[in-house]
Amino acid sequence: MGKIKIKNILAGKHSAEEIVVKGWVRTFRSNRFIAVNDGSCVANLQVVVDFEQFDEDLLKKVTTGASIAVTGNVVESQGKGQAFEIQASSIEIIGESDPEQYPLQPKKHSLEFLREIAHLRVRTNTFGAIYRVRHNLIYGVHKYFHDKGFYNVHTPIVTGSDAEGAGEMFSVSSFDLANVPKTDDGQVDFSQDFFGKATNLTVSGQLEGETAALALTEIYTFGPTFRAENSNTSRHLAEFWMIEPEMAFYDLVDNMDLAEEFVKYLVDFALANCAEDLEFLDKRLADEEKQKPQIERQEMGLLEQLKFVSENDFVRLTYTEAIDILKNSKPNKKNKFKYIIEEWGADLQSEHERFLVEKHFKKPVILYNYPANIKAFYMRLNEDGNTVAAMDVLFPGIGEIIGGSQREERYDVLVEKIKAIGIDEKELSWYLDTRKFGTAPHSGFGLGFERMIQFITGMGNIRDVIPFPRTPGSAEF
C-alpha cells in the first residue's frame, strides 16, 4: 500500500479507502486525536485513535515532532475544520522526538526565535507555506520564460568582473590565509592563486548574460548572487537569487513592457497555484497588523495587495516628474520624510517610492530616465547627456522590486564610461568585444527573487523567505 499525501486526502481523492499516510505529529489531544502534517499543504490531517486498540507505550511515543506512519480508513469528519479524517487501524513510530527538548511546541513562536532554529522552522505552518510558495514561483519563472521562447543561461558564480562597479564583493581564493604570497611591492600576488587573478563571488550575471543575448536574442539567468554589504536591514541579504533577462533588439519601452508583464504573471501564478497558502498568510498578516499601532498598519491586506498589482496598469513617469511630485508633496514640505527631497539628482529611498505607489498614484509605478551619476556604467546614456535609459518598478509595501535599463551598445560611449569610473579597460575587453562585432540595441533587468517572495507572502523581513539567510555575522547551518 503506497503512501498518500495529506493534501490529496483532504481534497477527497481517497474517500472510503484504506490508506497509509506518513508525516510529523503536530499535536496529540486527549489520547484520541493526532494532528499530522507531511508538508504537502498547510492543513493538518486529523487521525482518530481508539485508545483501547493501541498499546499505551506506543501512544506515549506519539509526541510533538515525532514522525509516524498511520494506516487507516478515510472517512468524512464529524468535527469542524476538515472534511475528511483517518480512523487509525495501526500506527508506526518512525522517528521519536523528545517533547522536553523539541523547540517547536504547539504555541506561537516569534520570527526572531524561529530564525535561530532555521533547520526546524519549515515545520511551522508559516514557513511551510513560504517554502511551497517559493517552489511554485521558481517553476512559474521558468515556465514564463520558456513559454515566451527565452533560453535559460547559467552565468558564472566565480567572476573576475564587478558588474555593479560597487566593489562590495566576496573574494574567492585558494590561498592559505596565514601565508599569502606577496609581490615585491607588498601587494597580494594573485598570479599564484588558483585562477591566476583576483576573483570574486558574482553580484550579477548580467554582463555574461548580455553576451548570450547578443547571439540567442532572448535569454534569462536565474542563479545565486552575493553582496558583501554590511547591512542588517530587513531588505538585505548577503546571498540571494536573481532573475535577469537580457534581450537583443529591445529598447527601454520594450523592457518596461516585459517587466510589467512578468511580475503580473508571477502574481497571478501565485494566486492560481498557492491559494490555500496565500489565504493562510493573508490571515497571518492581518493578525500581525492588529498588534501594531493604527498609524503603522498597512492599508491593504496581502491578497488585496497582490490583486492591486495584478489588476492595475502600471503608471510610467520619468525620474524628473517623480522628483517634482515628491518635492511638492506634504510629507516632504512638512519634513515627514526621513530623507527630504531638495533637488534633482537625489537617490530615491523606499519611503519616496512607496509614497508614489501607495499615496500619490495608488498604482504600481515604473520610473525611468534616471540621472546618469547615480546609475551603473552599462546603462545607455540618453541624448540629453545627463540621464540614462534606466527603469525601476515600484511596488506597494516594498518599493523597488525590479531595476533595469537599456544597455549602452555604443562602443566609444561605453569605453568612456568605463574609464570614468576607474575600471581597467582590459578587464572588460571581452564585454567591449560585443560592442565591436555586430552590436545591437539591447535591454534587461534584474528581479531579486527573495524580494518578490517577500512581497507575495507578506513577510516583513527578507530573512524569512530564504531557507538559510546569510547576513553580516551570520552563516549558521
Protein backbone atom coordinates (compact mmCIF):
# COMPACT_ATOMS: atom_id res chain seq x y z
CA MET A 1 0.00 0.00 0.00
CA GLY A 2 1.59 3.28 -1.13
CA LYS A 3 1.88 6.45 0.91
CA ILE A 4 -0.77 9.09 0.17
CA LYS A 5 -0.19 12.82 0.51
CA ILE A 6 -2.35 14.68 3.01
CA LYS A 7 -3.38 17.35 0.51
CA ASN A 8 -4.93 14.64 -1.68
CA ILE A 9 -6.75 13.07 1.26
CA LEU A 10 -8.22 16.42 2.32
CA ALA A 11 -9.25 17.07 -1.29
CA GLY A 12 -11.43 13.97 -1.14
CA LYS A 13 -9.44 11.89 -3.63
CA HIS A 14 -9.31 8.82 -1.35
CA SER A 15 -12.65 8.85 0.45
CA ALA A 16 -13.70 5.50 1.97
CA GLU A 17 -10.31 3.92 1.18
CA GLU A 18 -7.80 2.31 3.46
CA ILE A 19 -4.56 4.23 3.02
CA VAL A 20 -1.16 4.91 4.58
CA VAL A 21 -0.11 8.44 5.50
CA LYS A 22 3.31 9.46 6.80
CA GLY A 23 4.24 12.74 8.43
CA TRP A 24 5.11 14.57 11.62
CA VAL A 25 2.96 14.95 14.72
CA ARG A 26 1.80 18.48 15.44
CA THR A 27 -0.40 17.65 18.42
CA PHE A 28 -1.96 14.66 20.18
CA ARG A 29 -5.10 15.69 22.05
CA SER A 30 -6.88 13.69 24.71
CA ASN A 31 -5.11 10.48 23.62
CA ARG A 32 -7.63 10.43 20.78
CA PHE A 33 -6.84 12.98 18.06
CA ILE A 34 -3.45 13.16 16.34
CA ALA A 35 -2.79 16.13 14.04
CA VAL A 36 -0.33 15.03 11.36
CA ASN A 37 1.34 17.19 8.71
CA ASP A 38 3.51 15.99 5.82
CA GLY A 39 4.32 19.38 4.27
CA SER A 40 2.11 18.88 1.23
CA CYS A 41 -0.32 21.56 2.43
CA VAL A 42 -0.84 23.97 5.28
CA ALA A 43 -3.64 21.91 6.84
CA ASN A 44 -3.11 19.03 9.24
CA LEU A 45 -4.82 15.67 8.86
CA GLN A 46 -6.75 14.51 11.89
CA VAL A 47 -6.12 10.89 12.86
CA VAL A 48 -8.73 9.44 15.18
CA VAL A 49 -7.36 6.88 17.63
CA ASP A 50 -9.38 4.30 19.54
CA PHE A 51 -7.28 4.25 22.70
CA GLU A 52 -8.31 0.69 23.60
CA GLN A 53 -6.95 -0.70 20.29
CA PHE A 54 -3.39 0.54 20.82
CA ASP A 55 -0.59 -0.25 23.21
CA GLU A 56 -0.23 2.50 25.81
CA ASP A 57 3.58 2.54 25.49
CA LEU A 58 3.26 3.10 21.73
CA LEU A 59 0.91 6.05 22.18
CA LYS A 60 3.30 7.63 24.69
CA LYS A 61 5.77 7.95 21.81
CA VAL A 62 3.27 9.91 19.71
CA THR A 63 4.70 13.27 20.75
CA THR A 64 5.02 16.63 19.00
CA GLY A 65 7.73 16.41 16.36
CA ALA A 66 7.76 12.61 16.06
CA SER A 67 7.46 11.10 12.59
CA ILE A 68 4.82 8.40 12.21
CA ALA A 69 3.10 6.18 9.66
CA VAL A 70 -0.65 5.71 10.04
CA THR A 71 -2.76 3.09 8.30
CA GLY A 72 -6.50 3.51 8.36
CA ASN A 73 -9.73 4.30 6.55
CA VAL A 74 -10.51 7.76 5.19
CA VAL A 75 -13.92 8.86 6.45
CA GLU A 76 -15.92 12.06 6.44
CA SER A 77 -15.02 14.05 9.53
CA GLN A 78 -17.58 14.53 12.27
CA GLY A 79 -15.72 17.56 13.62
CA LYS A 80 -15.18 21.07 12.35
CA GLY A 81 -12.20 22.27 10.36
CA GLN A 82 -11.70 19.37 7.98
CA ALA A 83 -13.83 17.40 5.54
CA PHE A 84 -12.03 14.08 5.97
CA GLU A 85 -10.07 12.28 8.67
CA ILE A 86 -8.50 8.86 9.21
CA GLN A 87 -9.68 6.23 11.62
CA ALA A 88 -6.40 4.61 12.56
CA SER A 89 -6.05 0.83 12.42
CA SER A 90 -2.28 0.85 13.00
CA ILE A 91 0.39 3.39 13.97
CA GLU A 92 4.15 3.03 13.46
CA ILE A 93 6.66 5.31 15.15
CA ILE A 94 9.30 6.08 12.53
CA GLY A 95 11.32 8.64 14.45
CA GLU A 96 10.83 9.55 18.11
CA SER A 97 11.01 13.13 19.39
CA ASP A 98 11.81 14.18 22.96
CA PRO A 99 8.96 16.52 23.92
CA GLU A 100 11.10 18.18 26.59
CA GLN A 101 13.76 19.23 24.08
CA TYR A 102 11.78 19.75 20.88
CA PRO A 103 11.76 23.55 20.39
CA LEU A 104 8.56 23.78 18.33
CA GLN A 105 5.80 23.47 20.86
CA PRO A 106 2.10 23.93 19.91
CA LYS A 107 2.15 27.69 20.53
CA LYS A 108 3.02 30.91 18.71
CA HIS A 109 6.75 31.46 18.26
CA SER A 110 8.39 34.76 17.29
CA LEU A 111 10.04 35.02 13.88
CA GLU A 112 13.26 36.04 15.61
CA PHE A 113 13.28 32.80 17.60
CA LEU A 114 12.49 30.75 14.52
CA ARG A 115 15.48 32.25 12.68
CA GLU A 116 17.66 30.75 15.41
CA ILE A 117 16.32 27.29 14.53
CA ALA A 118 16.14 27.72 10.76
CA HIS A 119 16.75 23.99 10.33
CA LEU A 120 13.39 23.27 12.01
CA ARG A 121 11.25 26.33 11.24
CA VAL A 122 9.98 24.83 7.96
CA ARG A 123 7.85 22.54 10.14
CA THR A 124 5.72 25.52 11.19
CA ASN A 125 2.66 26.50 9.17
CA THR A 126 4.14 29.86 8.22
CA PHE A 127 7.40 28.55 6.84
CA GLY A 128 5.82 25.51 5.24
CA ALA A 129 3.62 27.94 3.31
CA ILE A 130 6.60 30.10 2.35
CA TYR A 131 8.59 27.12 1.07
CA ARG A 132 5.66 25.95 -1.06
CA VAL A 133 5.09 29.44 -2.49
CA ARG A 134 8.80 29.71 -3.22
CA HIS A 135 8.77 26.37 -5.06
CA ASN A 136 5.77 27.36 -7.16
CA LEU A 137 7.31 30.70 -8.08
CA ILE A 138 10.56 29.01 -9.15
CA TYR A 139 8.52 26.88 -11.51
CA GLY A 140 6.50 29.93 -12.59
CA VAL A 141 9.65 31.87 -13.53
CA HIS A 142 10.93 29.08 -15.75
CA LYS A 143 7.50 28.46 -17.28
CA TYR A 144 7.01 32.14 -18.15
CA PHE A 145 10.32 32.48 -19.97
CA HIS A 146 10.15 29.05 -21.59
CA ASP A 147 6.69 29.76 -22.96
CA LYS A 148 7.97 33.08 -24.40
CA GLY A 149 10.87 31.36 -26.15
CA PHE A 150 13.66 32.62 -23.89
CA TYR A 151 16.71 30.45 -23.23
CA ASN A 152 17.99 29.85 -19.70
CA VAL A 153 21.72 30.57 -19.40
CA HIS A 154 23.95 29.63 -16.45
CA THR A 155 26.35 32.50 -15.83
CA PRO A 156 29.47 32.20 -13.63
CA ILE A 157 29.27 32.29 -9.85
CA VAL A 158 33.01 32.94 -9.64
CA THR A 159 33.85 36.04 -11.66
CA GLY A 160 36.67 38.46 -12.33
CA SER A 161 34.34 41.40 -13.01
CA ASP A 162 32.23 43.68 -10.82
CA ALA A 163 29.01 44.17 -12.75
CA GLU A 164 27.77 46.93 -10.47
CA GLY A 165 31.10 48.74 -10.04
CA ALA A 166 30.37 48.98 -6.31
CA GLY A 167 33.22 46.84 -5.01
CA GLU A 168 31.09 45.12 -2.35
CA MET A 169 32.11 41.60 -3.32
CA PHE A 170 33.29 38.43 -1.58
CA SER A 171 36.78 37.37 -2.61
CA VAL A 172 37.40 33.83 -3.82
CA SER A 173 40.86 32.38 -3.18
CA SER A 174 42.67 29.12 -2.58
CA PHE A 175 45.46 30.84 -0.66
CA ASP A 176 46.48 29.75 2.82
CA LEU A 177 45.43 32.94 4.57
CA ALA A 178 48.25 32.53 7.10
CA ASN A 179 50.79 32.56 4.30
CA VAL A 180 49.57 34.75 1.44
CA PRO A 181 52.21 35.31 -1.29
CA LYS A 182 53.14 38.92 -1.92
CA THR A 183 54.73 40.82 -4.81
CA ASP A 184 57.94 42.82 -4.40
CA ASP A 185 55.92 45.93 -3.58
CA GLY A 186 53.94 44.15 -0.84
CA GLN A 187 50.70 43.55 -2.75
CA VAL A 188 48.89 40.19 -2.81
CA ASP A 189 50.32 38.16 -5.68
CA PHE A 190 47.14 36.85 -7.29
CA SER A 191 49.13 35.39 -10.16
CA GLN A 192 49.89 32.49 -7.81
CA ASP A 193 46.23 32.00 -6.88
CA PHE A 194 44.02 29.26 -8.30
CA PHE A 195 42.65 31.36 -11.18
CA GLY A 196 45.82 33.38 -11.67
CA LYS A 197 43.98 36.63 -10.89
CA ALA A 198 41.75 38.23 -8.27
CA THR A 199 38.27 36.69 -8.37
CA ASN A 200 35.01 37.17 -6.50
CA LEU A 201 31.55 35.75 -5.99
CA THR A 202 29.24 37.35 -8.52
CA VAL A 203 26.82 40.18 -7.73
CA SER A 204 25.06 39.70 -11.06
CA GLY A 205 25.04 37.52 -14.16
CA GLN A 206 24.11 40.46 -16.33
CA LEU A 207 27.34 41.14 -18.18
CA GLU A 208 27.78 37.49 -19.16
CA GLY A 209 24.06 37.33 -19.92
CA GLU A 210 24.43 40.15 -22.41
CA THR A 211 26.93 38.10 -24.41
CA ALA A 212 24.37 35.30 -24.73
CA ALA A 213 21.54 37.67 -25.68
CA LEU A 214 23.69 39.04 -28.50
CA ALA A 215 23.58 35.60 -30.08
CA LEU A 216 20.39 33.92 -28.85
CA THR A 217 18.32 37.16 -28.80
CA GLU A 218 16.30 36.47 -25.63
CA ILE A 219 17.81 34.80 -22.57
CA TYR A 220 17.41 34.81 -18.81
CA THR A 221 19.55 33.82 -15.86
CA PHE A 222 18.26 32.54 -12.52
CA GLY A 223 21.03 31.94 -10.04
CA PRO A 224 22.66 32.80 -6.72
CA THR A 225 24.32 36.19 -6.30
CA PHE A 226 26.32 37.66 -3.44
CA ARG A 227 26.94 41.10 -1.99
CA ALA A 228 29.36 41.86 0.84
CA GLU A 229 27.32 44.82 2.03
CA ASN A 230 27.50 45.29 5.80
CA SER A 231 23.75 45.84 6.13
CA ASN A 232 21.46 44.38 8.76
CA THR A 233 18.19 45.77 7.41
CA SER A 234 15.05 43.73 6.75
CA ARG A 235 15.63 44.22 2.99
CA HIS A 236 19.17 42.89 2.51
CA LEU A 237 20.88 39.51 2.31
CA ALA A 238 24.49 38.61 1.58
CA GLU A 239 23.37 35.62 -0.53
CA PHE A 240 20.27 35.83 -2.68
CA TRP A 241 18.84 34.70 -6.03
CA MET A 242 18.45 36.92 -9.08
CA ILE A 243 16.36 36.59 -12.21
CA GLU A 244 17.95 38.56 -15.03
CA PRO A 245 16.53 38.53 -18.55
CA GLU A 246 18.56 40.12 -21.34
CA MET A 247 17.04 40.83 -24.74
CA ALA A 248 18.61 41.91 -28.02
CA PHE A 249 16.69 44.43 -30.14
CA TYR A 250 14.71 45.69 -27.10
CA ASP A 251 14.62 49.39 -26.25
CA LEU A 252 13.62 50.87 -22.87
CA VAL A 253 9.88 50.74 -23.63
CA ASP A 254 10.12 47.08 -24.63
CA ASN A 255 12.00 46.44 -21.39
CA MET A 256 9.30 48.11 -19.30
CA ASP A 257 6.59 46.17 -21.12
CA LEU A 258 8.30 42.86 -20.35
CA ALA A 259 8.95 43.74 -16.70
CA GLU A 260 5.30 44.65 -16.11
CA GLU A 261 4.03 41.54 -17.86
CA PHE A 262 6.48 39.32 -15.98
CA VAL A 263 5.67 40.46 -12.44
CA LYS A 264 1.94 40.38 -13.14
CA TYR A 265 2.34 36.84 -14.43
CA LEU A 266 4.14 35.78 -11.24
CA VAL A 267 1.49 37.32 -9.02
CA ASP A 268 -1.30 35.65 -10.99
CA PHE A 269 0.63 32.37 -10.95
CA ALA A 270 0.86 32.52 -7.17
CA LEU A 271 -2.82 33.37 -6.77
CA ALA A 272 -3.79 30.45 -9.01
CA ASN A 273 -1.40 27.83 -7.62
CA CYS A 274 -0.89 28.79 -3.97
CA ALA A 275 -4.42 29.81 -2.96
CA GLU A 276 -4.55 27.88 0.33
CA ASP A 277 -1.11 29.05 1.47
CA LEU A 278 -1.81 32.67 0.49
CA GLU A 279 -5.11 32.63 2.38
CA PHE A 280 -3.24 31.40 5.45
CA LEU A 281 -0.52 34.05 5.02
CA ASP A 282 -3.17 36.74 4.45
CA LYS A 283 -4.78 35.88 7.79
CA ARG A 284 -1.38 35.72 9.46
CA LEU A 285 -0.50 39.20 8.19
CA ALA A 286 -3.88 40.58 9.28
CA ASP A 287 -3.35 39.22 12.80
CA GLU A 288 0.15 40.71 12.85
CA GLU A 289 -1.10 44.11 11.71
CA LYS A 290 -3.66 44.19 14.54
CA GLN A 291 -0.78 44.19 17.02
CA LYS A 292 0.68 47.39 15.55
CA PRO A 293 -0.36 50.97 16.36
CA GLN A 294 -3.05 52.21 13.96
CA ILE A 295 -0.67 54.66 12.26
CA GLU A 296 1.80 51.87 11.36
CA ARG A 297 -0.70 49.42 9.91
CA GLN A 298 -0.71 48.59 6.22
CA GLU A 299 -3.76 49.81 4.36
CA MET A 300 -4.09 46.65 2.25
CA GLY A 301 -4.25 43.01 3.21
CA LEU A 302 -1.98 40.53 1.45
CA LEU A 303 -4.47 39.26 -1.13
CA GLU A 304 -5.69 42.80 -1.73
CA GLN A 305 -2.10 43.92 -2.31
CA LEU A 306 -1.47 41.11 -4.81
CA LYS A 307 -4.60 41.99 -6.76
CA PHE A 308 -3.55 45.65 -6.62
CA VAL A 309 -0.51 44.68 -8.73
CA SER A 310 -2.27 42.15 -10.91
CA GLU A 311 -5.30 44.23 -11.84
CA ASN A 312 -3.78 47.70 -12.35
CA ASP A 313 -1.89 49.11 -15.30
CA PHE A 314 1.44 50.42 -14.02
CA VAL A 315 1.93 54.19 -14.08
CA ARG A 316 5.03 55.24 -16.03
CA LEU A 317 6.78 58.54 -15.40
CA THR A 318 10.26 59.97 -15.60
CA TYR A 319 12.54 60.42 -12.64
CA THR A 320 12.30 64.18 -13.22
CA GLU A 321 8.49 64.08 -12.98
CA ALA A 322 8.74 61.97 -9.81
CA ILE A 323 11.14 64.46 -8.20
CA ASP A 324 8.69 67.31 -8.87
CA ILE A 325 5.86 65.33 -7.26
CA LEU A 326 7.96 64.42 -4.25
CA LYS A 327 9.36 67.94 -3.73
CA ASN A 328 5.82 69.34 -3.63
CA SER A 329 4.32 66.56 -1.51
CA LYS A 330 3.01 67.17 2.01
CA PRO A 331 5.41 64.67 3.64
CA ASN A 332 8.34 66.50 2.05
CA LYS A 333 7.12 70.01 2.87
CA LYS A 334 6.29 69.04 6.46
CA ASN A 335 9.58 67.15 6.95
CA LYS A 336 7.80 63.80 7.38
CA PHE A 337 10.22 62.04 5.07
CA LYS A 338 13.40 60.80 6.71
CA TYR A 339 15.25 61.83 3.55
CA ILE A 340 14.00 65.23 2.36
CA ILE A 341 13.93 65.74 -1.40
CA GLU A 342 15.62 69.07 -2.10
CA GLU A 343 16.88 68.89 -5.66
CA TRP A 344 17.10 66.89 -8.87
CA GLY A 345 19.73 64.16 -8.61
CA ALA A 346 18.67 62.73 -5.25
CA ASP A 347 18.80 58.94 -4.94
CA LEU A 348 15.24 57.90 -4.12
CA GLN A 349 14.66 55.91 -0.93
CA SER A 350 12.00 53.31 -0.16
CA GLU A 351 9.82 55.92 1.59
CA HIS A 352 9.72 58.02 -1.57
CA GLU A 353 8.98 55.05 -3.81
CA ARG A 354 6.17 53.84 -1.54
CA PHE A 355 4.66 57.34 -1.39
CA LEU A 356 4.40 57.41 -5.17
CA VAL A 357 2.79 53.96 -5.30
CA GLU A 358 0.58 53.93 -2.21
CA LYS A 359 -0.40 57.59 -1.72
CA HIS A 360 0.01 59.57 -4.91
CA PHE A 361 -0.88 57.25 -7.79
CA LYS A 362 -2.40 54.33 -5.87
CA LYS A 363 -0.99 52.05 -8.56
CA PRO A 364 2.32 50.28 -9.20
CA VAL A 365 4.82 52.65 -10.78
CA ILE A 366 7.67 52.42 -13.27
CA LEU A 367 10.19 55.26 -13.06
CA TYR A 368 12.59 55.79 -15.94
CA ASN A 369 15.36 58.09 -17.24
CA TYR A 370 17.40 58.47 -14.06
CA PRO A 371 20.40 60.77 -13.53
CA ALA A 372 23.47 59.15 -15.04
CA ASN A 373 25.63 59.77 -11.97
CA ILE A 374 23.50 57.56 -9.68
CA LYS A 375 23.25 54.61 -12.05
CA ALA A 376 25.64 51.92 -13.33
CA PHE A 377 28.14 52.40 -16.17
CA TYR A 378 26.44 49.96 -18.56
CA MET A 379 23.19 51.93 -18.82
CA ARG A 380 22.61 53.75 -22.11
CA LEU A 381 23.30 57.47 -21.99
CA ASN A 382 20.33 59.50 -23.24
CA GLU A 383 20.64 62.28 -25.79
CA ASP A 384 20.45 64.93 -23.04
CA GLY A 385 23.81 63.73 -21.70
CA ASN A 386 22.51 63.87 -18.12
CA THR A 387 20.22 60.85 -17.83
CA VAL A 388 20.38 57.17 -18.69
CA ALA A 389 17.70 54.85 -20.04
CA ALA A 390 17.19 53.15 -16.69
CA MET A 391 13.92 51.97 -15.19
CA ASP A 392 12.77 50.79 -11.74
CA VAL A 393 9.49 49.00 -10.98
CA LEU A 394 7.96 50.09 -7.66
CA PHE A 395 5.50 48.02 -5.61
CA PRO A 396 3.36 48.79 -2.56
CA GLY A 397 4.82 47.89 0.80
CA ILE A 398 8.28 47.23 -0.60
CA GLY A 399 9.34 49.98 -3.01
CA GLU A 400 11.75 48.99 -5.78
CA ILE A 401 11.37 45.38 -6.86
CA ILE A 402 12.95 45.50 -10.34
CA GLY A 403 15.86 47.53 -11.67
CA GLY A 404 16.85 47.55 -15.31
CA SER A 405 17.89 49.57 -18.31
CA GLN A 406 18.57 49.71 -21.99
CA ARG A 407 22.25 48.78 -22.18
CA GLU A 408 24.89 51.05 -23.70
CA GLU A 409 25.56 49.44 -27.08
CA ARG A 410 27.84 52.19 -28.46
CA TYR A 411 31.48 51.17 -28.16
CA ASP A 412 33.02 54.63 -27.80
CA VAL A 413 30.49 55.80 -25.23
CA LEU A 414 30.89 52.63 -23.17
CA VAL A 415 34.69 52.91 -23.18
CA GLU A 416 34.49 56.46 -21.87
CA LYS A 417 32.08 55.45 -19.11
CA ILE A 418 34.32 52.56 -18.06
CA LYS A 419 37.35 54.84 -17.90
CA ALA A 420 35.42 57.46 -15.91
CA ILE A 421 34.77 55.05 -13.02
CA GLY A 422 38.29 53.70 -12.96
CA ILE A 423 37.75 50.20 -14.33
CA ASP A 424 40.66 48.80 -16.31
CA GLU A 425 39.53 48.59 -19.92
CA LYS A 426 41.50 45.37 -20.36
CA GLU A 427 39.47 43.67 -17.61
CA LEU A 428 36.31 44.16 -19.68
CA SER A 429 37.81 43.61 -23.13
CA TRP A 430 35.53 40.59 -23.64
CA TYR A 431 32.47 42.74 -22.78
CA LEU A 432 33.59 45.51 -25.12
CA ASP A 433 34.02 42.98 -27.93
CA THR A 434 30.23 42.57 -28.03
CA ARG A 435 30.09 46.28 -28.99
CA LYS A 436 32.71 45.84 -31.70
CA PHE A 437 31.33 42.81 -33.51
CA GLY A 438 27.70 43.19 -34.53
CA THR A 439 26.48 45.41 -31.71
CA ALA A 440 22.73 45.96 -31.37
CA PRO A 441 20.37 47.82 -29.04
CA HIS A 442 19.56 45.56 -26.11
CA SER A 443 17.98 45.76 -22.68
CA GLY A 444 17.48 43.80 -19.50
CA PHE A 445 16.53 43.93 -15.86
CA GLY A 446 17.04 42.18 -12.56
CA LEU A 447 14.39 40.89 -10.18
CA GLY A 448 15.56 39.87 -6.73
CA PHE A 449 13.73 36.60 -6.19
CA GLU A 450 13.60 36.94 -2.40
CA ARG A 451 12.22 40.48 -2.74
CA MET A 452 9.43 39.06 -4.92
CA ILE A 453 8.74 36.21 -2.48
CA GLN A 454 8.69 38.74 0.35
CA PHE A 455 6.02 40.73 -1.49
CA ILE A 456 3.91 37.71 -2.41
CA THR A 457 4.00 36.18 1.10
CA GLY A 458 3.65 39.44 3.02
CA MET A 459 6.68 38.72 5.19
CA GLY A 460 8.24 41.82 6.72
CA ASN A 461 11.81 40.55 6.79
CA ILE A 462 13.66 39.15 3.78
CA ARG A 463 15.46 36.70 6.09
CA ASP A 464 12.20 34.81 6.40
CA VAL A 465 11.76 33.97 2.71
CA ILE A 466 15.03 32.09 2.11
CA PRO A 467 15.70 28.79 3.88
CA PHE A 468 19.05 29.74 5.45
CA PRO A 469 19.66 33.51 5.39
CA ARG A 470 23.23 34.78 5.10
CA THR A 471 23.73 38.17 6.75
CA PRO A 472 26.65 40.03 8.39
CA GLY A 473 27.97 37.92 11.24
CA SER A 474 25.59 35.06 10.49
CA ALA A 475 26.31 31.97 8.39
CA GLU A 476 24.75 29.28 10.55
CA PHE A 477 23.61 25.89 9.30
